[in-house]
Amino acid sequence: MKVGLVSLGCPKNLVDSEVMLGLAKEAGHELTQDASTADVLVVNTCAFIDGAKQESIDTILEMAQHKKDGSCKRLIVTGCMAERYRDELKKEIPEIDEVLGTGEVPKIVGAIAATGAPVTFFRGAPRIPNPEPRTPTYIYDADTPRYLATPKHYAYVKIAEGCDYKCAFCIIPKLRGNYRSRPTDSIVREARALAARGVKELLLISQDTTFYGIDRGERGALARLLRELNGVDGLEWIRLLYLYPTTIDDDTLAAMAECDKVCKYIDLPLQHASDPVLKRMKRPGTRKSYDTLLTKIRSRVPGVALRTTFIVGFPGETDADVEQLTGFVGDHAFDHVGVFTYSHEEGTTAFDLVDDVAAKDKKARRNRVMGLQKKLVAGRQRARIGERARVVIDGPSSDHELVLRGRLMTQAPDIDAAVILTECDPSAFRAGDFAEVELVGARDYDFIARPVAEVL
């Protein structure tokens, strides 16, 4: 059968999608990117915030239409929304033939092969009520088939699954289960296999990447993993995403500084900088501890790029709290900042609080923080004009086929700005090539550059 899959949400969800595609292909099914020709459609959903839930519902309904207009015989819904609203989804959208939660990834082959019952069509957007609690335990390993959905030169590797933290705004521990690390040898074997397939950049992900190994009683496991991966032939860059402020230890920072393939890049979601807000969020840090940590990181890893995310509009947040946050952003010169507006989610402890910040105020506060960040970045970009740097080529720019798009070691794919290469022959470079460039300008958050020489 022809199987099509739509993956929504974060890279952690994308890895699950790649595993499902790999399992389907191994079982003899044909994969297709054309939903209209698929016999089976899979929607791997996200349910972290309201916007993600709505996108998931809209996509499910769009794919359901192919059961009427296309060749689709079965519609399967997987992922976080399936985990959170299993019974409600099947009740409200009867076109759905099968619902698989986050811990049921291996069941995808059986779900594809099953014979579906006759379908009645639902019209209108469904209302999704209360969640269903579950405790997933699944995590893939090096022997699990994967069909990479990323460009051939980079891949995400999930080194752990689940989360043990109880942040007030977050539903993920209920959707993904307790934290569980993969064995180091499994990750290294997967990295070698990916490198043999042409992967140049490895992105290590989990809900808290710096907690890696602690659940197994293996202190210092992440530093040891980085040193082993640094020796994998074929890899050029190893990037860490989703670190946590209380689990970054000195060994990890030392490994980042010493290992030439490990990107000097730290993705550290801090969520806020006001002590009262952090306390209500049930985050472990304080403004003072964050100041100390960021100073230590810059000292231990010279030239490091810092990325963080914040949430504005959390219940009880005041103008004074936002002032604390903007001051913090101004103090620390983050390379990349993302700001989310708070989403009041059932099943979280914050849901018991009054969602007392108006939507317009949440938006204004987000714009205030991002406006400041844009000004700060512009100044730092001007100071770098004329520098030479090494970039990886990701391929043609989406804006113009004669312009290439690349990234510095300090830029992650999809979430960060990029380097736009002009004054070059696009046919001289392939995705995954590395090149030396000169930074000649900037546009918004992106750098403009011209190639100086190809790096072999």
Protein backbone atom coordinates (compact mmCIF):
# COMPACT_ATOMS: atom_id res chain seq x y z
CA MET A 1 0.00 0.00 0.00
CA LYS A 2 1.03 3.63 -0.48
CA VAL A 3 1.54 5.39 2.86
CA GLY A 4 1.69 9.15 3.37
CA LEU A 5 2.59 10.82 6.65
CA VAL A 6 2.28 14.41 7.89
CA SER A 7 4.53 15.23 10.85
CA LEU A 8 3.64 18.19 13.07
CA GLY A 9 5.40 19.74 16.05
CA CYS A 10 8.97 19.44 17.26
CA PRO A 11 12.01 17.46 16.06
CA LYS A 12 11.33 14.89 18.79
CA ASN A 13 8.01 14.18 17.08
CA LEU A 14 9.76 14.13 13.70
CA VAL A 15 12.02 11.29 14.85
CA ASP A 16 8.92 9.29 15.78
CA SER A 17 7.56 10.00 12.29
CA GLU A 18 10.80 8.81 10.71
CA VAL A 19 10.65 5.59 12.72
CA MET A 20 7.07 4.97 11.64
CA LEU A 21 8.03 5.55 8.00
CA GLY A 22 10.99 3.22 8.40
CA LEU A 23 8.84 0.49 9.89
CA ALA A 24 6.26 0.91 7.13
CA LYS A 25 8.90 0.71 4.41
CA GLU A 26 10.50 -2.35 5.98
CA ALA A 27 7.08 -4.01 5.99
CA GLY A 28 6.93 -3.58 2.22
CA HIS A 29 4.76 -0.49 1.92
CA GLU A 30 5.46 2.29 -0.58
CA LEU A 31 5.94 5.81 0.79
CA THR A 32 4.44 8.83 -0.93
CA GLN A 33 4.45 12.59 -0.38
CA ASP A 34 1.27 13.01 -2.43
CA ALA A 35 -1.65 12.69 -0.03
CA SER A 36 -4.12 12.35 -2.89
CA THR A 37 -2.53 9.07 -4.02
CA ALA A 38 -2.04 7.49 -0.58
CA ASP A 39 -3.96 4.39 0.47
CA VAL A 40 -3.16 5.12 4.11
CA LEU A 41 -2.57 8.56 5.65
CA VAL A 42 -0.89 9.12 9.02
CA VAL A 43 -0.99 12.41 10.92
CA ASN A 44 1.60 12.61 13.71
CA THR A 45 0.17 15.34 15.92
CA CYS A 46 1.33 17.93 18.45
CA ALA A 47 -0.72 19.08 21.44
CA PHE A 48 1.65 21.31 23.41
CA ILE A 49 -0.31 24.57 23.13
CA ASP A 50 -3.62 25.75 21.67
CA GLY A 51 -2.12 26.71 18.32
CA ALA A 52 -0.51 23.28 17.91
CA LYS A 53 -3.75 21.52 18.79
CA GLN A 54 -5.68 23.56 16.25
CA GLU A 55 -3.08 22.85 13.57
CA SER A 56 -3.36 19.14 14.35
CA ILE A 57 -7.15 19.17 14.09
CA ASP A 58 -7.07 21.15 10.86
CA THR A 59 -4.56 18.72 9.36
CA ILE A 60 -6.57 15.66 10.42
CA LEU A 61 -9.69 17.11 8.79
CA GLU A 62 -7.73 17.97 5.65
CA MET A 63 -6.37 14.43 5.40
CA ALA A 64 -9.83 12.99 6.16
CA GLN A 65 -11.11 14.67 3.03
CA HIS A 66 -8.86 12.38 0.98
CA LYS A 67 -11.02 9.45 2.10
CA LYS A 68 -13.77 11.08 0.08
CA ASP A 69 -11.85 12.71 -2.78
CA GLY A 70 -8.72 10.58 -3.06
CA SER A 71 -7.62 6.98 -2.79
CA CYS A 72 -7.22 6.94 1.00
CA LYS A 73 -8.77 3.94 2.74
CA ARG A 74 -7.39 4.43 6.25
CA LEU A 75 -6.61 7.47 8.40
CA ILE A 76 -4.32 6.98 11.40
CA VAL A 77 -3.67 9.64 14.03
CA THR A 78 -0.57 9.37 16.21
CA GLY A 79 1.54 11.50 18.54
CA CYS A 80 0.85 13.83 21.44
CA MET A 81 -2.75 14.73 20.58
CA ALA A 82 -3.51 11.05 20.11
CA GLU A 83 -1.96 10.35 23.51
CA ARG A 84 -3.87 13.18 25.16
CA TYR A 85 -7.29 12.82 23.50
CA ARG A 86 -7.49 9.22 22.31
CA ASP A 87 -11.18 8.48 22.81
CA GLU A 88 -12.34 12.01 22.09
CA LEU A 89 -10.64 12.10 18.69
CA LYS A 90 -12.29 8.91 17.47
CA LYS A 91 -15.65 10.08 18.75
CA GLU A 92 -15.47 13.58 17.27
CA ILE A 93 -13.80 12.66 13.97
CA PRO A 94 -15.20 9.29 12.87
CA GLU A 95 -13.09 9.30 9.70
CA ILE A 96 -10.18 8.27 11.97
CA ASP A 97 -9.62 4.52 11.78
CA GLU A 98 -6.85 4.15 14.35
CA VAL A 99 -5.34 6.25 17.16
CA LEU A 100 -1.83 5.47 18.41
CA GLY A 101 -0.28 7.28 21.36
CA THR A 102 3.35 8.30 21.82
CA GLY A 103 4.24 4.91 23.31
CA GLU A 104 2.69 2.91 20.49
CA VAL A 105 5.00 3.78 17.58
CA PRO A 106 5.80 0.10 16.80
CA LYS A 107 2.08 -0.59 16.26
CA ILE A 108 2.05 1.51 13.10
CA VAL A 109 2.56 -1.49 10.78
CA GLY A 110 -0.46 -3.29 12.21
CA ALA A 111 -2.51 -0.11 12.03
CA ILE A 112 -1.63 0.33 8.34
CA ALA A 113 -2.49 -3.26 7.46
CA ALA A 114 -5.82 -3.48 9.32
CA THR A 115 -9.07 -3.35 7.38
CA GLY A 116 -11.09 -0.25 8.18
CA ALA A 117 -14.84 -0.08 8.74
CA PRO A 118 -17.09 2.03 6.50
CA VAL A 119 -16.61 5.74 7.04
CA THR A 120 -19.09 8.51 7.73
CA PHE A 121 -17.89 12.03 7.14
CA PHE A 122 -17.68 14.69 9.84
CA ARG A 123 -18.11 18.35 9.02
CA GLY A 124 -16.95 21.26 11.16
CA ALA A 125 -14.15 21.58 13.73
CA PRO A 126 -14.53 19.19 16.68
CA ARG A 127 -14.44 20.24 20.31
CA ILE A 128 -11.77 18.28 22.17
CA PRO A 129 -12.64 17.88 25.88
CA ASN A 130 -10.75 16.26 28.76
CA PRO A 131 -7.45 14.38 28.30
CA GLU A 132 -6.87 10.70 28.97
CA PRO A 133 -3.88 10.00 31.28
CA ARG A 134 -1.37 7.37 30.12
CA THR A 135 2.23 6.33 30.88
CA PRO A 136 4.24 5.70 27.68
CA THR A 137 7.47 3.73 27.96
CA TYR A 138 8.63 3.26 24.34
CA ILE A 139 11.91 4.56 22.92
CA TYR A 140 13.56 3.43 19.69
CA ASP A 141 17.11 2.07 19.39
CA ALA A 142 19.94 1.82 16.85
CA ASP A 143 18.39 -1.22 15.18
CA THR A 144 15.00 0.41 14.61
CA PRO A 145 14.38 1.30 10.94
CA ARG A 146 14.25 5.03 10.18
CA TYR A 147 13.40 6.85 6.98
CA LEU A 148 15.00 10.29 7.23
CA ALA A 149 12.64 13.15 6.44
CA THR A 150 15.33 15.81 6.89
CA PRO A 151 17.80 16.82 4.16
CA LYS A 152 20.43 14.09 3.73
CA HIS A 153 23.22 16.02 5.44
CA TYR A 154 21.67 16.35 8.90
CA ALA A 155 19.61 14.20 11.22
CA TYR A 156 18.07 14.36 14.67
CA VAL A 157 18.95 11.65 17.19
CA LYS A 158 16.72 11.23 20.20
CA ILE A 159 19.03 10.29 23.07
CA ALA A 160 16.24 10.06 25.66
CA GLU A 161 12.47 10.22 25.91
CA GLY A 162 10.06 11.60 28.51
CA CYS A 163 10.53 14.10 31.33
CA ASP A 164 10.60 14.02 35.13
CA TYR A 165 10.09 17.75 35.70
CA LYS A 166 6.80 19.25 36.84
CA CYS A 167 6.84 22.68 35.18
CA ALA A 168 3.44 24.25 35.79
CA PHE A 169 2.76 25.16 32.15
CA CYS A 170 3.84 21.85 30.56
CA ILE A 171 1.82 18.75 29.69
CA ILE A 172 4.74 16.83 28.15
CA PRO A 173 5.51 14.52 31.14
CA LYS A 174 1.95 13.22 30.97
CA LEU A 175 2.18 12.70 27.22
CA ARG A 176 5.68 11.24 27.00
CA GLY A 177 6.16 9.43 30.32
CA ASN A 178 9.11 9.42 32.69
CA TYR A 179 12.62 10.30 31.54
CA ARG A 180 14.45 7.33 30.04
CA SER A 181 17.91 7.49 28.46
CA ARG A 182 19.13 5.29 25.63
CA PRO A 183 22.35 3.36 26.22
CA THR A 184 25.44 5.16 24.94
CA ASP A 185 26.45 2.31 22.62
CA SER A 186 23.02 2.43 20.93
CA ILE A 187 23.40 6.14 20.19
CA VAL A 188 26.97 5.77 18.93
CA ARG A 189 25.97 2.88 16.65
CA GLU A 190 23.13 4.96 15.24
CA ALA A 191 25.49 7.90 14.71
CA ARG A 192 27.94 5.71 12.79
CA ALA A 193 25.13 4.36 10.60
CA LEU A 194 23.86 7.87 9.88
CA ALA A 195 27.36 9.11 9.04
CA ALA A 196 27.75 6.18 6.64
CA ARG A 197 24.57 7.41 4.91
CA GLY A 198 26.08 10.85 4.38
CA VAL A 199 24.86 12.70 7.47
CA LYS A 200 27.31 15.48 8.36
CA GLU A 201 25.46 17.15 11.24
CA LEU A 202 23.99 15.28 14.19
CA LEU A 203 21.44 17.07 16.38
CA LEU A 204 21.03 15.44 19.80
CA ILE A 205 17.56 15.94 21.25
CA SER A 206 15.41 14.97 24.22
CA GLN A 207 13.13 16.82 26.59
CA ASP A 208 16.19 17.64 28.75
CA THR A 209 19.38 16.65 26.97
CA THR A 210 21.68 17.49 29.90
CA PHE A 211 19.75 15.03 32.12
CA TYR A 212 21.02 12.24 29.87
CA GLY A 213 22.20 9.20 31.86
CA ILE A 214 21.19 10.57 35.26
CA ASP A 215 18.07 8.37 35.28
CA ARG A 216 20.38 5.37 34.79
CA GLY A 217 22.69 6.46 37.61
CA GLU A 218 25.39 7.44 35.09
CA ARG A 219 26.80 10.79 36.16
CA GLY A 220 28.85 12.48 33.45
CA ALA A 221 27.21 10.34 30.74
CA LEU A 222 26.56 13.24 28.34
CA ALA A 223 30.19 14.37 28.38
CA ARG A 224 31.34 10.81 27.69
CA LEU A 225 28.78 10.49 24.87
CA LEU A 226 30.00 13.71 23.25
CA ARG A 227 33.61 12.51 23.33
CA GLU A 228 32.65 9.19 21.73
CA LEU A 229 30.58 10.86 19.03
CA ASN A 230 33.42 13.27 18.35
CA GLY A 231 35.41 10.29 17.07
CA VAL A 232 32.76 9.11 14.58
CA ASP A 233 34.20 9.34 11.07
CA GLY A 234 32.17 11.40 8.62
CA LEU A 235 30.48 13.66 11.15
CA GLU A 236 31.37 17.34 10.97
CA TRP A 237 29.06 18.93 13.54
CA ILE A 238 27.38 17.61 16.68
CA ARG A 239 24.73 19.93 18.08
CA LEU A 240 22.91 19.81 21.43
CA LEU A 241 19.31 21.01 21.69
CA TYR A 242 16.97 21.38 24.68
CA LEU A 243 19.37 21.73 27.63
CA TYR A 244 18.16 22.49 31.16
CA PRO A 245 19.62 25.12 33.49
CA THR A 246 20.01 22.85 36.52
CA THR A 247 21.61 19.88 34.74
CA ILE A 248 24.42 21.54 32.76
CA ASP A 249 27.52 20.29 34.54
CA ASP A 250 31.18 21.21 34.24
CA ASP A 251 32.01 17.94 32.46
CA THR A 252 29.55 18.73 29.67
CA LEU A 253 30.90 22.25 29.24
CA ALA A 254 34.46 20.89 29.18
CA ALA A 255 33.53 18.35 26.49
CA MET A 256 31.89 21.08 24.40
CA ALA A 257 35.01 23.21 24.65
CA GLU A 258 37.42 20.35 23.88
CA CYS A 259 35.63 18.42 21.11
CA ASP A 260 36.22 20.01 17.72
CA LYS A 261 33.03 18.59 16.18
CA VAL A 262 30.71 19.66 19.01
CA CYS A 263 29.09 22.95 18.07
CA LYS A 264 29.74 25.82 20.44
CA TYR A 265 26.01 26.30 20.71
CA ILE A 266 23.78 26.01 23.76
CA ASP A 267 20.00 25.86 23.48
CA LEU A 268 18.78 26.66 26.99
CA PRO A 269 15.02 27.34 27.40
CA LEU A 270 14.90 29.57 30.50
CA GLN A 271 11.18 30.56 30.20
CA HIS A 272 11.48 33.77 32.27
CA ALA A 273 13.81 35.90 34.39
CA SER A 274 11.49 37.23 37.10
CA ASP A 275 11.78 35.24 40.34
CA PRO A 276 8.03 35.40 41.19
CA VAL A 277 7.08 34.15 37.72
CA LEU A 278 9.72 31.40 37.77
CA LYS A 279 8.40 30.25 41.14
CA ARG A 280 4.81 30.09 39.89
CA MET A 281 6.05 28.26 36.79
CA LYS A 282 7.72 25.72 39.13
CA ARG A 283 11.04 26.32 37.42
CA PRO A 284 14.12 25.58 39.55
CA GLY A 285 16.17 28.70 38.74
CA THR A 286 16.27 32.33 39.81
CA ARG A 287 17.47 35.48 38.07
CA LYS A 288 20.66 35.33 40.10
CA SER A 289 21.34 31.66 39.36
CA TYR A 290 20.69 32.24 35.65
CA ASP A 291 23.11 35.19 35.63
CA THR A 292 25.76 33.00 37.25
CA LEU A 293 25.14 30.08 34.89
CA LEU A 294 25.30 32.16 31.71
CA THR A 295 28.52 33.84 32.85
CA LYS A 296 30.04 30.43 33.56
CA ILE A 297 28.99 29.04 30.18
CA ARG A 298 30.60 31.92 28.30
CA SER A 299 33.74 31.52 30.38
CA ARG A 300 34.03 27.74 29.93
CA VAL A 301 33.06 27.63 26.23
CA PRO A 302 34.68 30.61 24.48
CA GLY A 303 32.75 31.82 21.44
CA VAL A 304 29.60 29.94 22.42
CA ALA A 305 26.27 30.95 20.87
CA LEU A 306 23.34 31.06 23.29
CA ARG A 307 19.74 30.35 22.31
CA THR A 308 16.83 30.59 24.72
CA THR A 309 13.04 30.75 24.81
CA PHE A 310 10.70 32.65 27.10
CA ILE A 311 7.00 32.52 27.93
CA VAL A 312 5.15 35.80 28.47
CA GLY A 313 1.67 36.23 29.85
CA PHE A 314 1.91 33.50 32.51
CA PRO A 315 -0.80 33.90 35.18
CA GLY A 316 0.04 36.74 37.53
CA GLU A 317 2.77 38.22 35.32
CA THR A 318 3.01 42.00 35.79
CA ASP A 319 4.63 44.84 33.87
CA ALA A 320 7.41 44.75 36.47
CA ASP A 321 8.04 41.08 35.66
CA VAL A 322 8.32 41.91 31.96
CA GLU A 323 10.72 44.72 32.83
CA GLN A 324 12.86 42.14 34.63
CA LEU A 325 12.77 39.95 31.54
CA THR A 326 13.77 42.70 29.10
CA GLY A 327 16.58 43.73 31.40
CA PHE A 328 17.80 40.15 31.46
CA VAL A 329 17.73 39.93 27.65
CA GLY A 330 19.66 43.19 27.45
CA ASP A 331 22.28 41.96 29.92
CA HIS A 332 23.15 38.66 28.28
CA ALA A 333 23.37 39.26 24.52
CA PHE A 334 21.62 36.05 23.46
CA ASP A 335 22.33 35.04 19.88
CA HIS A 336 18.85 33.60 19.37
CA VAL A 337 15.64 34.25 21.31
CA GLY A 338 12.15 32.83 20.87
CA VAL A 339 9.15 34.13 22.80
CA PHE A 340 5.87 32.26 23.24
CA THR A 341 2.64 33.61 24.64
CA TYR A 342 1.26 31.52 27.50
CA SER A 343 -1.36 28.92 26.57
CA HIS A 344 -3.75 27.86 29.36
CA GLU A 345 -3.70 24.05 29.11
CA GLU A 346 -5.92 21.60 30.95
CA GLY A 347 -3.95 18.86 32.67
CA THR A 348 -1.22 21.25 33.84
CA THR A 349 -0.94 22.64 37.35
CA ALA A 350 -1.06 26.17 35.92
CA PHE A 351 -4.59 25.43 34.73
CA ASP A 352 -5.71 25.90 38.34
CA LEU A 353 -4.48 29.51 38.18
CA VAL A 354 -6.53 32.34 36.70
CA ASP A 355 -5.45 33.10 33.13
CA ASP A 356 -5.50 36.80 33.98
CA VAL A 357 -3.28 38.34 31.28
CA ALA A 358 -5.34 39.49 28.32
CA ALA A 359 -4.46 38.09 24.90
CA LYS A 360 -3.61 41.56 23.57
CA ASP A 361 -1.25 42.13 26.49
CA LYS A 362 0.45 38.78 25.92
CA LYS A 363 1.02 39.73 22.30
CA ALA A 364 2.30 43.19 23.22
CA ARG A 365 4.73 41.73 25.74
CA ARG A 366 6.01 39.23 23.19
CA ASN A 367 6.53 42.03 20.67
CA ARG A 368 8.35 44.09 23.29
CA VAL A 369 10.88 41.35 24.05
CA MET A 370 11.36 40.39 20.41
CA GLY A 371 11.69 44.04 19.38
CA LEU A 372 14.52 44.49 21.86
CA GLN A 373 16.21 41.29 20.70
CA LYS A 374 16.05 42.41 17.07
CA LYS A 375 17.83 45.68 17.90
CA LEU A 376 20.51 43.87 19.90
CA VAL A 377 21.14 41.34 17.14
CA ALA A 378 21.37 44.06 14.49
CA GLY A 379 24.16 45.76 16.42
CA ARG A 380 26.12 42.54 16.85
CA GLN A 381 25.67 41.67 13.18
CA ARG A 382 27.13 45.01 12.07
CA ALA A 383 30.19 44.32 14.18
CA ARG A 384 30.81 41.04 12.32
CA ILE A 385 30.70 42.37 8.77
CA GLY A 386 33.96 41.48 7.05
CA GLU A 387 34.56 38.30 9.06
CA ARG A 388 35.30 35.00 7.39
CA ALA A 389 33.41 31.94 8.58
CA ARG A 390 32.68 28.30 7.75
CA VAL A 391 29.12 27.43 6.72
CA VAL A 392 27.24 24.31 5.75
CA ILE A 393 25.16 24.61 2.59
CA ASP A 394 21.52 23.63 3.12
CA GLY A 395 20.46 24.22 -0.49
CA PRO A 396 18.71 26.84 -2.63
CA SER A 397 16.97 29.71 -0.85
CA SER A 398 13.19 29.48 -0.77
CA ASP A 399 13.12 33.09 -1.99
CA HIS A 400 15.31 32.69 -5.06
CA GLU A 401 16.65 29.56 -6.78
CA LEU A 402 19.88 31.33 -7.76
CA VAL A 403 20.69 32.14 -4.12
CA LEU A 404 21.99 29.57 -1.65
CA ARG A 405 21.07 29.18 1.99
CA GLY A 406 23.59 28.01 4.58
CA ARG A 407 24.29 28.06 8.30
CA LEU A 408 27.10 28.90 10.66
CA MET A 409 28.06 26.47 13.41
CA THR A 410 26.12 28.83 15.68
CA GLN A 411 22.84 28.35 13.77
CA ALA A 412 20.56 25.32 14.05
CA PRO A 413 18.29 24.28 11.17
CA ASP A 414 14.66 25.43 11.07
CA ILE A 415 14.69 27.39 14.34
CA ASP A 416 17.49 29.93 13.81
CA ALA A 417 18.37 32.53 11.20
CA ALA A 418 20.62 31.56 8.30
CA VAL A 419 23.38 32.75 5.97
CA ILE A 420 22.25 33.82 2.50
CA LEU A 421 24.98 33.25 -0.08
CA THR A 422 25.11 35.58 -3.06
CA GLU A 423 27.73 36.22 -5.77
CA CYS A 424 28.12 32.49 -6.33
CA ASP A 425 27.32 29.75 -8.80
CA PRO A 426 24.67 27.60 -7.06
CA SER A 427 25.62 24.61 -9.20
CA ALA A 428 29.09 24.62 -7.63
CA PHE A 429 27.69 23.58 -4.25
CA ARG A 430 25.53 20.70 -3.05
CA ALA A 431 23.50 20.45 0.13
CA GLY A 432 25.86 19.22 2.82
CA ASP A 433 28.96 20.89 1.37
CA PHE A 434 30.96 23.17 3.62
CA ALA A 435 32.32 26.48 2.37
CA GLU A 436 34.35 29.38 3.64
CA VAL A 437 32.48 32.69 3.27
CA GLU A 438 32.90 36.36 3.99
CA LEU A 439 30.05 38.05 5.86
CA VAL A 440 29.20 41.10 3.78
CA GLY A 441 25.85 42.25 5.19
CA ALA A 442 22.73 41.42 7.16
CA ARG A 443 19.00 41.29 6.56
CA ASP A 444 16.74 41.02 9.61
CA TYR A 445 18.30 38.09 11.53
CA ASP A 446 20.07 36.58 8.50
CA PHE A 447 23.63 37.23 7.37
CA ILE A 448 24.45 37.94 3.74
CA ALA A 449 27.71 36.34 2.60
CA ARG A 450 29.77 35.53 -0.47
CA PRO A 451 31.81 32.32 -0.84
CA VAL A 452 35.58 32.71 -0.57
CA ALA A 453 36.54 29.06 -1.02
CA GLU A 454 34.97 25.63 -0.79
CA VAL A 455 36.00 23.60 2.24
CA LEU A 456 36.83 20.02 1.24
